[in-house]
C-alpha atoms as a PDB file:
ATOM      1  CA  MET A   1      30.278   0.906  -8.460  1.00  0.00           C
ATOM      2  CA  THR A   2      28.080   0.465 -11.456  1.00  0.00           C
ATOM      3  CA  THR A   3      25.863   3.110 -12.958  1.00  0.00           C
ATOM      4  CA  VAL A   4      22.473   1.743 -14.059  1.00  0.00           C
ATOM      5  CA  ALA A   5      19.261   3.279 -15.474  1.00  0.00           C
ATOM      6  CA  ALA A   6      16.243   3.336 -13.205  1.00  0.00           C
ATOM      7  CA  TYR A   7      12.828   4.950 -12.625  1.00  0.00           C
ATOM      8  CA  ALA A   8      12.643   6.992  -9.481  1.00  0.00           C
ATOM      9  CA  ALA A   9      10.212   9.289  -7.647  1.00  0.00           C
ATOM     10  CA  PRO A  10      12.254  12.492  -7.049  1.00  0.00           C
ATOM     11  CA  ALA A  11       9.946  13.646  -4.267  1.00  0.00           C
ATOM     12  CA  SER A  12       6.752  12.588  -2.448  1.00  0.00           C
ATOM     13  CA  LYS A  13       3.726  12.299  -4.791  1.00  0.00           C
ATOM     14  CA  ALA A  14       5.902  13.358  -7.755  1.00  0.00           C
ATOM     15  CA  PRO A  15       5.728  11.389 -11.041  1.00  0.00           C
ATOM     16  CA  LEU A  16       8.363   8.760 -11.514  1.00  0.00           C
ATOM     17  CA  GLU A  17      11.048   9.640 -14.050  1.00  0.00           C
ATOM     18  CA  ARG A  18      13.982   7.977 -15.759  1.00  0.00           C
ATOM     19  CA  THR A  19      17.296   8.529 -14.045  1.00  0.00           C
ATOM     20  CA  THR A  20      20.517   6.778 -13.175  1.00  0.00           C
ATOM     21  CA  ILE A  21      21.647   5.301  -9.843  1.00  0.00           C
ATOM     22  CA  GLU A  22      24.854   3.813  -8.542  1.00  0.00           C
ATOM     23  CA  ARG A  23      24.991   0.037  -7.588  1.00  0.00           C
ATOM     24  CA  ARG A  24      27.754  -1.028  -5.312  1.00  0.00           C
ATOM     25  CA  ALA A  25      30.655  -3.176  -6.474  1.00  0.00           C
ATOM     26  CA  VAL A  26      30.157  -6.885  -5.905  1.00  0.00           C
ATOM     27  CA  ARG A  27      31.400  -7.884  -2.442  1.00  0.00           C
ATOM     28  CA  GLU A  28      32.442 -11.239  -1.012  1.00  0.00           C
ATOM     29  CA  HIS A  29      28.934 -12.669  -0.692  1.00  0.00           C
ATOM     30  CA  ASP A  30      27.106 -10.478  -3.230  1.00  0.00           C
ATOM     31  CA  VAL A  31      25.178 -11.457  -6.309  1.00  0.00           C
ATOM     32  CA  LEU A  32      24.752  -9.057  -9.259  1.00  0.00           C
ATOM     33  CA  ILE A  33      21.407  -9.614 -10.934  1.00  0.00           C
ATOM     34  CA  ASP A  34      20.340  -8.411 -14.392  1.00  0.00           C
ATOM     35  CA  ILE A  35      16.704  -7.530 -13.589  1.00  0.00           C
ATOM     36  CA  LYS A  36      14.335  -8.790 -16.224  1.00  0.00           C
ATOM     37  CA  PHE A  37      10.937  -7.949 -14.671  1.00  0.00           C
ATOM     38  CA  ALA A  38       9.712  -5.958 -11.749  1.00  0.00           C
ATOM     39  CA  GLY A  39       6.170  -6.085 -10.330  1.00  0.00           C
ATOM     40  CA  ILE A  40       4.291  -2.979  -9.243  1.00  0.00           C
ATOM     41  CA  CYS A  41       2.925  -3.456  -5.694  1.00  0.00           C
ATOM     42  CA  HIS A  42       0.433  -1.177  -4.084  1.00  0.00           C
ATOM     43  CA  SER A  43       2.953  -0.654  -1.327  1.00  0.00           C
ATOM     44  CA  ASP A  44       5.208   1.008  -3.953  1.00  0.00           C
ATOM     45  CA  ILE A  45       2.538   3.649  -4.323  1.00  0.00           C
ATOM     46  CA  HIS A  46       1.927   4.049  -0.588  1.00  0.00           C
ATOM     47  CA  GLN A  47       5.619   4.674  -0.055  1.00  0.00           C
ATOM     48  CA  ALA A  48       6.254   6.890  -3.129  1.00  0.00           C
ATOM     49  CA  ARG A  49       3.376   9.052  -1.920  1.00  0.00           C
ATOM     50  CA  GLU A  50       4.395   8.882   1.786  1.00  0.00           C
ATOM     51  CA  GLY A  51       1.062   7.300   2.679  1.00  0.00           C
ATOM     52  CA  TRP A  52       2.807   5.208   5.384  1.00  0.00           C
ATOM     53  CA  GLY A  53       4.929   8.023   6.700  1.00  0.00           C
ATOM     54  CA  GLU A  54       8.089   9.911   5.887  1.00  0.00           C
ATOM     55  CA  ALA A  55      10.143   8.319   3.107  1.00  0.00           C
ATOM     56  CA  ILE A  56      13.585   8.657   1.464  1.00  0.00           C
ATOM     57  CA  PHE A  57      13.916  10.418  -1.878  1.00  0.00           C
ATOM     58  CA  PRO A  58      14.838   9.956  -4.630  1.00  0.00           C
ATOM     59  CA  MET A  59      13.069   6.578  -4.390  1.00  0.00           C
ATOM     60  CA  VAL A  60      13.436   3.719  -6.786  1.00  0.00           C
ATOM     61  CA  PRO A  61      10.521   1.408  -5.827  1.00  0.00           C
ATOM     62  CA  GLY A  62      10.119  -2.284  -6.598  1.00  0.00           C
ATOM     63  CA  HIS A  63      10.361  -5.326  -4.352  1.00  0.00           C
ATOM     64  CA  GLU A  64       9.052  -7.976  -6.796  1.00  0.00           C
ATOM     65  CA  ILE A  65      12.281  -8.600  -8.745  1.00  0.00           C
ATOM     66  CA  ALA A  66      12.967 -11.423 -11.151  1.00  0.00           C
ATOM     67  CA  GLY A  67      16.114 -11.696 -13.105  1.00  0.00           C
ATOM     68  CA  VAL A  68      19.327 -13.616 -13.987  1.00  0.00           C
ATOM     69  CA  VAL A  69      22.619 -13.709 -12.142  1.00  0.00           C
ATOM     70  CA  SER A  70      25.409 -12.040 -14.081  1.00  0.00           C
ATOM     71  CA  GLU A  71      28.219 -12.001 -11.512  1.00  0.00           C
ATOM     72  CA  VAL A  72      28.882 -13.459  -8.049  1.00  0.00           C
ATOM     73  CA  GLY A  73      31.399 -12.519  -5.311  1.00  0.00           C
ATOM     74  CA  PRO A  74      34.224 -14.921  -4.490  1.00  0.00           C
ATOM     75  CA  GLY A  75      32.510 -16.182  -1.327  1.00  0.00           C
ATOM     76  CA  VAL A  76      29.174 -16.998  -2.937  1.00  0.00           C
ATOM     77  CA  THR A  77      28.180 -20.628  -2.738  1.00  0.00           C
ATOM     78  CA  LYS A  78      24.431 -20.595  -3.524  1.00  0.00           C
ATOM     79  CA  TYR A  79      24.318 -19.037  -7.030  1.00  0.00           C
ATOM     80  CA  LYS A  80      26.304 -18.817 -10.252  1.00  0.00           C
ATOM     81  CA  ALA A  81      26.111 -16.708 -13.377  1.00  0.00           C
ATOM     82  CA  GLY A  82      23.006 -17.652 -15.485  1.00  0.00           C
ATOM     83  CA  ASP A  83      20.858 -18.675 -12.516  1.00  0.00           C
ATOM     84  CA  ARG A  84      17.198 -17.463 -12.515  1.00  0.00           C
ATOM     85  CA  VAL A  85      16.665 -15.633  -9.273  1.00  0.00           C
ATOM     86  CA  GLY A  86      14.351 -13.374  -7.343  1.00  0.00           C
ATOM     87  CA  VAL A  87      14.528 -10.647  -4.697  1.00  0.00           C
ATOM     88  CA  GLY A  88      11.592  -9.733  -2.556  1.00  0.00           C
ATOM     89  CA  CYS A  89      10.967  -7.130   0.124  1.00  0.00           C
ATOM     90  CA  LEU A  90      14.192  -7.596   2.185  1.00  0.00           C
ATOM     91  CA  VAL A  91      17.875  -7.306   1.325  1.00  0.00           C
ATOM     92  CA  ASP A  92      19.453  -7.631   4.717  1.00  0.00           C
ATOM     93  CA  SER A  93      18.847  -8.188   8.453  1.00  0.00           C
ATOM     94  CA  CYS A  94      20.938  -8.515  11.599  1.00  0.00           C
ATOM     95  CA  ARG A  95      21.056 -12.305  11.220  1.00  0.00           C
ATOM     96  CA  GLU A  96      21.749 -12.701  14.906  1.00  0.00           C
ATOM     97  CA  CYS A  97      18.442 -12.136  16.736  1.00  0.00           C
ATOM     98  CA  ASP A  98      16.067 -14.886  17.731  1.00  0.00           C
ATOM     99  CA  ASN A  99      13.778 -14.062  14.723  1.00  0.00           C
ATOM    100  CA  CYS A 100      16.545 -14.146  12.149  1.00  0.00           C
ATOM    101  CA  LYS A 101      17.822 -17.402  13.526  1.00  0.00           C
ATOM    102  CA  ALA A 102      14.254 -18.829  13.271  1.00  0.00           C
ATOM    103  CA  GLY A 103      13.965 -17.790   9.579  1.00  0.00           C
ATOM    104  CA  LEU A 104      11.772 -14.803  10.318  1.00  0.00           C
ATOM    105  CA  GLU A 105      14.023 -12.136   8.913  1.00  0.00           C
ATOM    106  CA  GLN A 106      10.989  -9.987   8.187  1.00  0.00           C
ATOM    107  CA  HIS A 107      10.600  -9.544  11.976  1.00  0.00           C
ATOM    108  CA  CYS A 108      14.348  -8.907  12.686  1.00  0.00           C
ATOM    109  CA  THR A 109      14.545  -7.134  16.044  1.00  0.00           C
ATOM    110  CA  GLY A 110      17.794  -5.513  14.991  1.00  0.00           C
ATOM    111  CA  GLY A 111      15.987  -3.953  12.009  1.00  0.00           C
ATOM    112  CA  SER A 112      15.569  -5.639   8.632  1.00  0.00           C
ATOM    113  CA  VAL A 113      16.629  -3.598   5.558  1.00  0.00           C
ATOM    114  CA  GLY A 114      13.993  -3.055   2.894  1.00  0.00           C
ATOM    115  CA  THR A 115      14.748  -3.477  -0.772  1.00  0.00           C
ATOM    116  CA  TYR A 116      14.034   0.224  -1.278  1.00  0.00           C
ATOM    117  CA  ASN A 117      13.246   3.256   0.913  1.00  0.00           C
ATOM    118  CA  ALA A 118      15.614   2.023   3.598  1.00  0.00           C
ATOM    119  CA  ILE A 119      19.178   2.583   4.743  1.00  0.00           C
ATOM    120  CA  GLY A 120      21.503  -0.362   4.307  1.00  0.00           C
ATOM    121  CA  LYS A 121      24.165  -1.512   6.749  1.00  0.00           C
ATOM    122  CA  ASP A 122      26.693   0.544   4.689  1.00  0.00           C
ATOM    123  CA  GLY A 123      24.735   3.721   5.501  1.00  0.00           C
ATOM    124  CA  GLU A 124      23.605   4.121   1.843  1.00  0.00           C
ATOM    125  CA  PRO A 125      19.920   4.220   0.735  1.00  0.00           C
ATOM    126  CA  THR A 126      18.524   1.055  -0.925  1.00  0.00           C
ATOM    127  CA  TYR A 127      17.061   1.233  -4.391  1.00  0.00           C
ATOM    128  CA  GLY A 128      14.474  -1.232  -5.718  1.00  0.00           C
ATOM    129  CA  GLY A 129      13.632  -3.144  -8.880  1.00  0.00           C
ATOM    130  CA  TYR A 130      12.524  -0.415 -11.202  1.00  0.00           C
ATOM    131  CA  SER A 131      16.105  -0.550 -12.551  1.00  0.00           C
ATOM    132  CA  GLU A 132      18.443  -2.525 -14.832  1.00  0.00           C
ATOM    133  CA  LYS A 133      20.496  -4.276 -12.214  1.00  0.00           C
ATOM    134  CA  VAL A 134      20.630  -4.881  -8.448  1.00  0.00           C
ATOM    135  CA  VAL A 135      23.378  -6.193  -6.104  1.00  0.00           C
ATOM    136  CA  VAL A 136      22.125  -8.334  -3.136  1.00  0.00           C
ATOM    137  CA  ASP A 137      23.721 -10.510  -0.536  1.00  0.00           C
ATOM    138  CA  GLU A 138      23.226 -14.161  -1.552  1.00  0.00           C
ATOM    139  CA  ASN A 139      21.375 -14.879   1.641  1.00  0.00           C
ATOM    140  CA  PHE A 140      18.527 -12.605   0.545  1.00  0.00           C
ATOM    141  CA  VAL A 141      18.238 -14.018  -2.997  1.00  0.00           C
ATOM    142  CA  VAL A 142      15.906 -16.835  -3.872  1.00  0.00           C
ATOM    143  CA  ARG A 143      15.906 -19.281  -6.761  1.00  0.00           C
ATOM    144  CA  ILE A 144      13.074 -19.140  -9.299  1.00  0.00           C
ATOM    145  CA  PRO A 145      12.236 -22.763 -10.391  1.00  0.00           C
ATOM    146  CA  GLU A 146      12.327 -23.598 -14.095  1.00  0.00           C
ATOM    147  CA  GLY A 147       8.582 -24.190 -14.050  1.00  0.00           C
ATOM    148  CA  LEU A 148       7.867 -20.534 -13.574  1.00  0.00           C
ATOM    149  CA  SER A 149       8.264 -17.793 -16.202  1.00  0.00           C
ATOM    150  CA  LEU A 150      10.181 -14.831 -14.870  1.00  0.00           C
ATOM    151  CA  ASP A 151       7.427 -12.280 -15.673  1.00  0.00           C
ATOM    152  CA  GLU A 152       4.732 -14.229 -13.883  1.00  0.00           C
ATOM    153  CA  ALA A 153       7.124 -15.126 -11.013  1.00  0.00           C
ATOM    154  CA  ALA A 154       8.059 -11.490 -10.174  1.00  0.00           C
ATOM    155  CA  PRO A 155       4.836 -10.676  -8.236  1.00  0.00           C
ATOM    156  CA  LEU A 156       5.206 -13.879  -6.185  1.00  0.00           C
ATOM    157  CA  LEU A 157       8.140 -12.129  -4.397  1.00  0.00           C
ATOM    158  CA  CYS A 158       5.691  -9.951  -2.540  1.00  0.00           C
ATOM    159  CA  ALA A 159       2.078 -10.746  -3.418  1.00  0.00           C
ATOM    160  CA  GLY A 160       2.786 -14.521  -3.468  1.00  0.00           C
ATOM    161  CA  ILE A 161       4.600 -14.749  -0.161  1.00  0.00           C
ATOM    162  CA  THR A 162       2.303 -12.221   1.552  1.00  0.00           C
ATOM    163  CA  THR A 163      -0.632 -14.532   0.983  1.00  0.00           C
ATOM    164  CA  TYR A 164       1.183 -17.884   1.182  1.00  0.00           C
ATOM    165  CA  SER A 165       2.637 -17.206   4.644  1.00  0.00           C
ATOM    166  CA  PRO A 166      -0.621 -16.525   6.508  1.00  0.00           C
ATOM    167  CA  LEU A 167      -2.500 -19.230   4.624  1.00  0.00           C
ATOM    168  CA  LYS A 168       0.063 -21.748   5.793  1.00  0.00           C
ATOM    169  CA  HIS A 169       0.391 -20.334   9.313  1.00  0.00           C
ATOM    170  CA  TRP A 170      -3.379 -20.293   9.927  1.00  0.00           C
ATOM    171  CA  GLY A 171      -4.004 -23.780   8.486  1.00  0.00           C
ATOM    172  CA  ALA A 172      -5.554 -23.430   4.992  1.00  0.00           C
ATOM    173  CA  ALA A 173      -6.013 -27.001   4.064  1.00  0.00           C
ATOM    174  CA  PRO A 174      -8.552 -29.644   2.931  1.00  0.00           C
ATOM    175  CA  GLY A 175     -11.654 -29.376   5.051  1.00  0.00           C
ATOM    176  CA  LYS A 176     -11.098 -25.699   5.822  1.00  0.00           C
ATOM    177  CA  LYS A 177     -13.296 -22.888   4.636  1.00  0.00           C
ATOM    178  CA  VAL A 178     -11.261 -19.845   3.647  1.00  0.00           C
ATOM    179  CA  ALA A 179     -12.532 -16.369   2.466  1.00  0.00           C
ATOM    180  CA  VAL A 180     -10.408 -13.835   0.630  1.00  0.00           C
ATOM    181  CA  ILE A 181     -11.479 -10.224   0.882  1.00  0.00           C
ATOM    182  CA  GLY A 182     -10.683  -8.384  -2.362  1.00  0.00           C
ATOM    183  CA  LEU A 183      -9.649  -9.778  -5.727  1.00  0.00           C
ATOM    184  CA  GLY A 184      -6.710  -7.655  -6.595  1.00  0.00           C
ATOM    185  CA  GLY A 185      -2.937  -8.119  -6.781  1.00  0.00           C
ATOM    186  CA  LEU A 186      -2.826  -9.811  -3.398  1.00  0.00           C
ATOM    187  CA  GLY A 187      -6.291 -11.334  -3.480  1.00  0.00           C
ATOM    188  CA  HIS A 188      -5.962 -13.209  -6.686  1.00  0.00           C
ATOM    189  CA  MET A 189      -2.823 -14.845  -5.450  1.00  0.00           C
ATOM    190  CA  GLY A 190      -4.573 -15.706  -2.136  1.00  0.00           C
ATOM    191  CA  VAL A 191      -7.310 -17.467  -4.113  1.00  0.00           C
ATOM    192  CA  LYS A 192      -4.874 -19.444  -6.236  1.00  0.00           C
ATOM    193  CA  ILE A 193      -2.728 -20.556  -3.266  1.00  0.00           C
ATOM    194  CA  ALA A 194      -5.627 -21.317  -0.904  1.00  0.00           C
ATOM    195  CA  HIS A 195      -7.164 -23.422  -3.681  1.00  0.00           C
ATOM    196  CA  ALA A 196      -3.857 -25.292  -4.236  1.00  0.00           C
ATOM    197  CA  LEU A 197      -3.619 -25.944  -0.517  1.00  0.00           C
ATOM    198  CA  GLY A 198      -6.941 -27.710  -0.725  1.00  0.00           C
ATOM    199  CA  ALA A 199      -9.233 -25.295   1.075  1.00  0.00           C
ATOM    200  CA  GLU A 200     -12.762 -24.428   0.051  1.00  0.00           C
ATOM    201  CA  VAL A 201     -12.339 -20.833  -1.162  1.00  0.00           C
ATOM    202  CA  THR A 202     -14.721 -17.954  -1.188  1.00  0.00           C
ATOM    203  CA  VAL A 203     -14.109 -14.416  -2.548  1.00  0.00           C
ATOM    204  CA  LEU A 204     -15.729 -11.536  -0.799  1.00  0.00           C
ATOM    205  CA  SER A 205     -15.663  -8.549  -3.148  1.00  0.00           C
ATOM    206  CA  GLN A 206     -17.564  -5.278  -3.299  1.00  0.00           C
ATOM    207  CA  SER A 207     -19.405  -6.342  -6.424  1.00  0.00           C
ATOM    208  CA  LEU A 208     -19.758  -9.412  -8.687  1.00  0.00           C
ATOM    209  CA  ARG A 209     -17.810  -7.700 -11.479  1.00  0.00           C
ATOM    210  CA  LYS A 210     -14.831 -10.095 -11.204  1.00  0.00           C
ATOM    211  CA  LYS A 211     -16.850 -13.184 -10.364  1.00  0.00           C
ATOM    212  CA  ASP A 212     -15.959 -15.126 -13.524  1.00  0.00           C
ATOM    213  CA  ASP A 213     -12.300 -14.385 -12.885  1.00  0.00           C
ATOM    214  CA  GLY A 214     -12.527 -15.485  -9.332  1.00  0.00           C
ATOM    215  CA  LEU A 215     -14.063 -18.821 -10.208  1.00  0.00           C
ATOM    216  CA  LYS A 216     -11.465 -19.420 -12.880  1.00  0.00           C
ATOM    217  CA  LEU A 217      -8.617 -18.643 -10.468  1.00  0.00           C
ATOM    218  CA  GLY A 218      -9.917 -21.373  -8.142  1.00  0.00           C
ATOM    219  CA  ALA A 219     -12.672 -19.837  -5.944  1.00  0.00           C
ATOM    220  CA  ASP A 220     -15.573 -22.133  -5.115  1.00  0.00           C
ATOM    221  CA  HIS A 221     -17.883 -19.249  -4.256  1.00  0.00           C
ATOM    222  CA  TYR A 222     -18.124 -15.500  -4.870  1.00  0.00           C
ATOM    223  CA  TYR A 223     -20.176 -12.952  -2.919  1.00  0.00           C
ATOM    224  CA  ALA A 224     -20.715  -9.215  -3.169  1.00  0.00           C
ATOM    225  CA  THR A 225     -20.207  -7.505   0.171  1.00  0.00           C
ATOM    226  CA  SER A 226     -22.347  -4.574  -1.022  1.00  0.00           C
ATOM    227  CA  ASP A 227     -25.297  -6.926  -0.724  1.00  0.00           C
ATOM    228  CA  GLU A 228     -26.473  -6.848   2.918  1.00  0.00           C
ATOM    229  CA  ASN A 229     -27.793 -10.417   2.544  1.00  0.00           C
ATOM    230  CA  THR A 230     -24.197 -11.668   2.114  1.00  0.00           C
ATOM    231  CA  PHE A 231     -23.400 -11.063   5.837  1.00  0.00           C
ATOM    232  CA  LYS A 232     -26.588 -12.750   6.962  1.00  0.00           C
ATOM    233  CA  GLU A 233     -26.098 -15.757   4.661  1.00  0.00           C
ATOM    234  CA  LEU A 234     -22.470 -16.342   5.527  1.00  0.00           C
ATOM    235  CA  ALA A 235     -22.585 -15.662   9.322  1.00  0.00           C
ATOM    236  CA  GLY A 236     -20.439 -18.212  11.180  1.00  0.00           C
ATOM    237  CA  THR A 237     -19.091 -19.821   8.019  1.00  0.00           C
ATOM    238  CA  PHE A 238     -15.285 -19.463   7.771  1.00  0.00           C
ATOM    239  CA  ASP A 239     -12.317 -20.910   9.584  1.00  0.00           C
ATOM    240  CA  LEU A 240     -10.045 -18.213   8.101  1.00  0.00           C
ATOM    241  CA  ILE A 241     -10.631 -14.896   6.399  1.00  0.00           C
ATOM    242  CA  LEU A 242      -7.709 -13.211   4.614  1.00  0.00           C
ATOM    243  CA  SER A 243      -8.153  -9.493   4.075  1.00  0.00           C
ATOM    244  CA  THR A 244      -6.052  -8.224   1.227  1.00  0.00           C
ATOM    245  CA  VAL A 245      -7.505  -4.731   0.913  1.00  0.00           C
ATOM    246  CA  SER A 246      -5.923  -1.470   2.013  1.00  0.00           C
ATOM    247  CA  ALA A 247      -9.229   0.289   2.504  1.00  0.00           C
ATOM    248  CA  PRO A 248     -10.708   0.425   6.105  1.00  0.00           C
ATOM    249  CA  LEU A 249     -13.379  -2.237   6.624  1.00  0.00           C
ATOM    250  CA  ASP A 250     -16.194  -2.795   9.082  1.00  0.00           C
ATOM    251  CA  PHE A 251     -14.246  -5.419  10.973  1.00  0.00           C
ATOM    252  CA  GLY A 252     -17.197  -6.271  13.227  1.00  0.00           C
ATOM    253  CA  ALA A 253     -19.269  -7.286  10.199  1.00  0.00           C
ATOM    254  CA  TYR A 254     -16.393  -9.522   8.818  1.00  0.00           C
ATOM    255  CA  LEU A 255     -15.657 -11.072  12.212  1.00  0.00           C
ATOM    256  CA  SER A 256     -19.296 -12.203  12.331  1.00  0.00           C
ATOM    257  CA  LEU A 257     -18.526 -14.443   9.294  1.00  0.00           C
ATOM    258  CA  LEU A 258     -16.047 -16.521  11.354  1.00  0.00           C
ATOM    259  CA  ARG A 259     -16.785 -19.819  13.006  1.00  0.00           C
ATOM    260  CA  THR A 260     -16.003 -20.151  16.692  1.00  0.00           C
ATOM    261  CA  GLY A 261     -12.211 -19.997  16.999  1.00  0.00           C
ATOM    262  CA  GLY A 262     -11.778 -18.579  13.539  1.00  0.00           C
ATOM    263  CA  ALA A 263      -9.233 -15.933  12.505  1.00  0.00           C
ATOM    264  CA  LEU A 264      -9.381 -12.762  10.391  1.00  0.00           C
ATOM    265  CA  VAL A 265      -5.906 -12.047   9.177  1.00  0.00           C
ATOM    266  CA  ASN A 266      -4.872  -8.758   7.562  1.00  0.00           C
ATOM    267  CA  VAL A 267      -2.230  -8.460   4.957  1.00  0.00           C
ATOM    268  CA  GLY A 268      -3.677  -5.184   3.459  1.00  0.00           C
ATOM    269  CA  ALA A 269      -2.507  -2.165   5.380  1.00  0.00           C
ATOM    270  CA  PRO A 270      -4.915   0.821   5.475  1.00  0.00           C
ATOM    271  CA  GLU A 271      -3.314   4.205   6.079  1.00  0.00           C
ATOM    272  CA  GLU A 272      -5.921   5.089   8.742  1.00  0.00           C
ATOM    273  CA  PRO A 273      -6.535   3.473  12.204  1.00  0.00           C
ATOM    274  CA  ILE A 274      -9.525   1.308  12.584  1.00  0.00           C
ATOM    275  CA  ALA A 275     -12.288   1.184  15.218  1.00  0.00           C
ATOM    276  CA  LEU A 276     -13.302  -2.097  16.663  1.00  0.00           C
ATOM    277  CA  ASN A 277     -15.887  -3.190  19.219  1.00  0.00           C
ATOM    278  CA  LEU A 278     -14.036  -5.949  21.151  1.00  0.00           C
ATOM    279  CA  PHE A 279     -17.321  -7.862  21.783  1.00  0.00           C
ATOM    280  CA  SER A 280     -16.969  -9.019  18.117  1.00  0.00           C
ATOM    281  CA  LEU A 281     -13.772 -10.845  19.121  1.00  0.00           C
ATOM    282  CA  ILE A 282     -14.799 -12.059  22.577  1.00  0.00           C
ATOM    283  CA  GLY A 283     -17.980 -13.633  21.350  1.00  0.00           C
ATOM    284  CA  GLY A 284     -16.839 -16.819  19.557  1.00  0.00           C
ATOM    285  CA  ASN A 285     -13.248 -16.710  20.799  1.00  0.00           C
ATOM    286  CA  LYS A 286     -12.110 -15.166  17.529  1.00  0.00           C
ATOM    287  CA  THR A 287      -8.798 -13.803  16.463  1.00  0.00           C
ATOM    288  CA  LEU A 288      -7.954 -10.581  14.573  1.00  0.00           C
ATOM    289  CA  ALA A 289      -4.414 -10.875  13.306  1.00  0.00           C
ATOM    290  CA  GLY A 290      -1.847  -9.408  10.902  1.00  0.00           C
ATOM    291  CA  SER A 291       0.790 -10.941   8.771  1.00  0.00           C
ATOM    292  CA  MET A 292       3.606  -9.310   6.864  1.00  0.00           C
ATOM    293  CA  ILE A 293       5.564 -11.243   4.311  1.00  0.00           C
ATOM    294  CA  GLY A 294       7.657 -14.355   5.002  1.00  0.00           C
ATOM    295  CA  GLY A 295      11.251 -15.132   5.738  1.00  0.00           C
ATOM    296  CA  ILE A 296      13.682 -16.092   3.028  1.00  0.00           C
ATOM    297  CA  ALA A 297      13.340 -19.853   3.514  1.00  0.00           C
ATOM    298  CA  GLU A 298       9.571 -19.627   3.399  1.00  0.00           C
ATOM    299  CA  THR A 299       9.747 -17.421   0.302  1.00  0.00           C
ATOM    300  CA  GLN A 300      11.793 -20.168  -1.416  1.00  0.00           C
ATOM    301  CA  GLU A 301       9.228 -22.748  -0.142  1.00  0.00           C
ATOM    302  CA  MET A 302       6.450 -20.654  -1.739  1.00  0.00           C
ATOM    303  CA  LEU A 303       8.199 -20.396  -5.005  1.00  0.00           C
ATOM    304  CA  ASP A 304       8.734 -24.185  -5.115  1.00  0.00           C
ATOM    305  CA  PHE A 305       5.101 -24.706  -4.169  1.00  0.00           C
ATOM    306  CA  CYS A 306       3.894 -22.368  -6.928  1.00  0.00           C
ATOM    307  CA  ALA A 307       6.130 -24.123  -9.479  1.00  0.00           C
ATOM    308  CA  GLU A 308       4.812 -27.531  -8.411  1.00  0.00           C
ATOM    309  CA  HIS A 309       1.197 -26.349  -8.786  1.00  0.00           C
ATOM    310  CA  GLY A 310       1.667 -24.269 -11.883  1.00  0.00           C
ATOM    311  CA  ILE A 311       0.842 -20.987 -10.111  1.00  0.00           C
ATOM    312  CA  GLY A 312       2.092 -17.660 -11.531  1.00  0.00           C
ATOM    313  CA  SER A 313       0.605 -14.186 -11.203  1.00  0.00           C
ATOM    314  CA  GLU A 314      -1.990 -12.921 -13.606  1.00  0.00           C
ATOM    315  CA  ILE A 315      -0.047 -10.003 -15.172  1.00  0.00           C
ATOM    316  CA  GLU A 316      -0.278  -7.039 -17.507  1.00  0.00           C
ATOM    317  CA  LEU A 317       3.249  -6.411 -18.884  1.00  0.00           C
ATOM    318  CA  ILE A 318       4.062  -2.764 -19.325  1.00  0.00           C
ATOM    319  CA  ALA A 319       6.924  -0.583 -20.562  1.00  0.00           C
ATOM    320  CA  ALA A 320       8.728   1.576 -17.962  1.00  0.00           C
ATOM    321  CA  SER A 321       7.204   4.672 -19.592  1.00  0.00           C
ATOM    322  CA  GLU A 322       3.828   3.496 -18.451  1.00  0.00           C
ATOM    323  CA  ILE A 323       4.633   3.348 -14.705  1.00  0.00           C
ATOM    324  CA  ASN A 324       2.852   6.558 -13.746  1.00  0.00           C
ATOM    325  CA  GLU A 325      -0.264   5.560 -15.675  1.00  0.00           C
ATOM    326  CA  ALA A 326      -0.056   2.139 -14.013  1.00  0.00           C
ATOM    327  CA  TYR A 327       0.013   3.751 -10.539  1.00  0.00           C
ATOM    328  CA  GLU A 328      -3.257   5.562 -11.229  1.00  0.00           C
ATOM    329  CA  ARG A 329      -4.795   2.409 -12.530  1.00  0.00           C
ATOM    330  CA  VAL A 330      -3.793   0.403  -9.414  1.00  0.00           C
ATOM    331  CA  VAL A 331      -5.290   3.097  -7.207  1.00  0.00           C
ATOM    332  CA  ASN A 332      -8.514   2.809  -9.264  1.00  0.00           C
ATOM    333  CA  SER A 333      -8.411  -1.035  -9.105  1.00  0.00           C
ATOM    334  CA  ASP A 334      -8.041  -1.137 -12.853  1.00  0.00           C
ATOM    335  CA  VAL A 335      -5.640  -4.013 -13.296  1.00  0.00           C
ATOM    336  CA  ARG A 336      -6.025  -7.790 -13.662  1.00  0.00           C
ATOM    337  CA  TYR A 337      -4.161  -8.432 -11.570  1.00  0.00           C
ATOM    338  CA  ARG A 338      -0.575  -7.191 -11.387  1.00  0.00           C
ATOM    339  CA  PHE A 339       1.396  -4.771 -13.500  1.00  0.00           C
ATOM    340  CA  VAL A 340       4.876  -6.015 -14.277  1.00  0.00           C
ATOM    341  CA  ILE A 341       7.576  -3.758 -15.812  1.00  0.00           C
ATOM    342  CA  ASP A 342       9.652  -5.180 -18.661  1.00  0.00           C
ATOM    343  CA  THR A 343      12.907  -3.701 -17.439  1.00  0.00           C
ATOM    344  CA  ALA A 344      14.425  -3.933 -20.889  1.00  0.00           C
ATOM    345  CA  THR A 345      12.340  -0.794 -21.548  1.00  0.00           C
ATOM    346  CA  ILE A 346      14.100   1.243 -18.828  1.00  0.00           C
END
């Protein structure tokens, strides 16, 4: 066991505070990672405040982890000390179900193990990236290519794969029109990746406040959804709409923007149920879908793609002492576009 410094929420809705946690000794197939940077994801806030249901406390959030390997177990074949690596939302799965065998560990029917706010196969709670070090099985570690800086790569481990996976699955490509709802931590990555995949990209945001940013990030068009003319003008336009917001939307209005056979895919997860008139799906043979993250192999594919295309996250680097302030700013949409903790400050 190794004692490391971390920032934890001691209870639901309580401010995060500096503490120490125990990391397990390195086992046969484990990798010990010196964490360099950890992104702050909105889902960290949902879980620390029990917005998605009962949680485990004390909680050390963080599933956007970038660091350097400092030690490996005797059976490790994929990594060695000094390698630049990342850890995303998962640290284990059953590895035996059909989904795991297909590389869809995020949908493990035996129950995948989250990087934090979960119970590992050893019966111990998992603690995330707001800490100095982490021990992870090599099969749930990914390599960060040399072309990506570790601080800008950290958010790719959640925000990057959460947008890359559905964009690939639903066919964002040259000749396709893709809209991204919301230009935040997820949305800005969706714009960058959809643009790199060759699609014609439109941002749908509440206002035009971030229009210049959106166009610089790769959007071809930018519309304010607060303008009622937007929905008239864009009716029947898009092959794919990616919703990255966690606020409830008028899904009927957004479904009207799809072409026949188009898909509206949600990666944002509102805390409340939504209401939907099914005629908005039936007319036009449309799809309303959801997407989670991606499996480990797809996460590596995403990192390699981002390195090839020079895509990192737009970040604001903060000290660990600023985490609570950062949480409030995320809730108020006051970040462009991802807070990343310099873990040297923990």
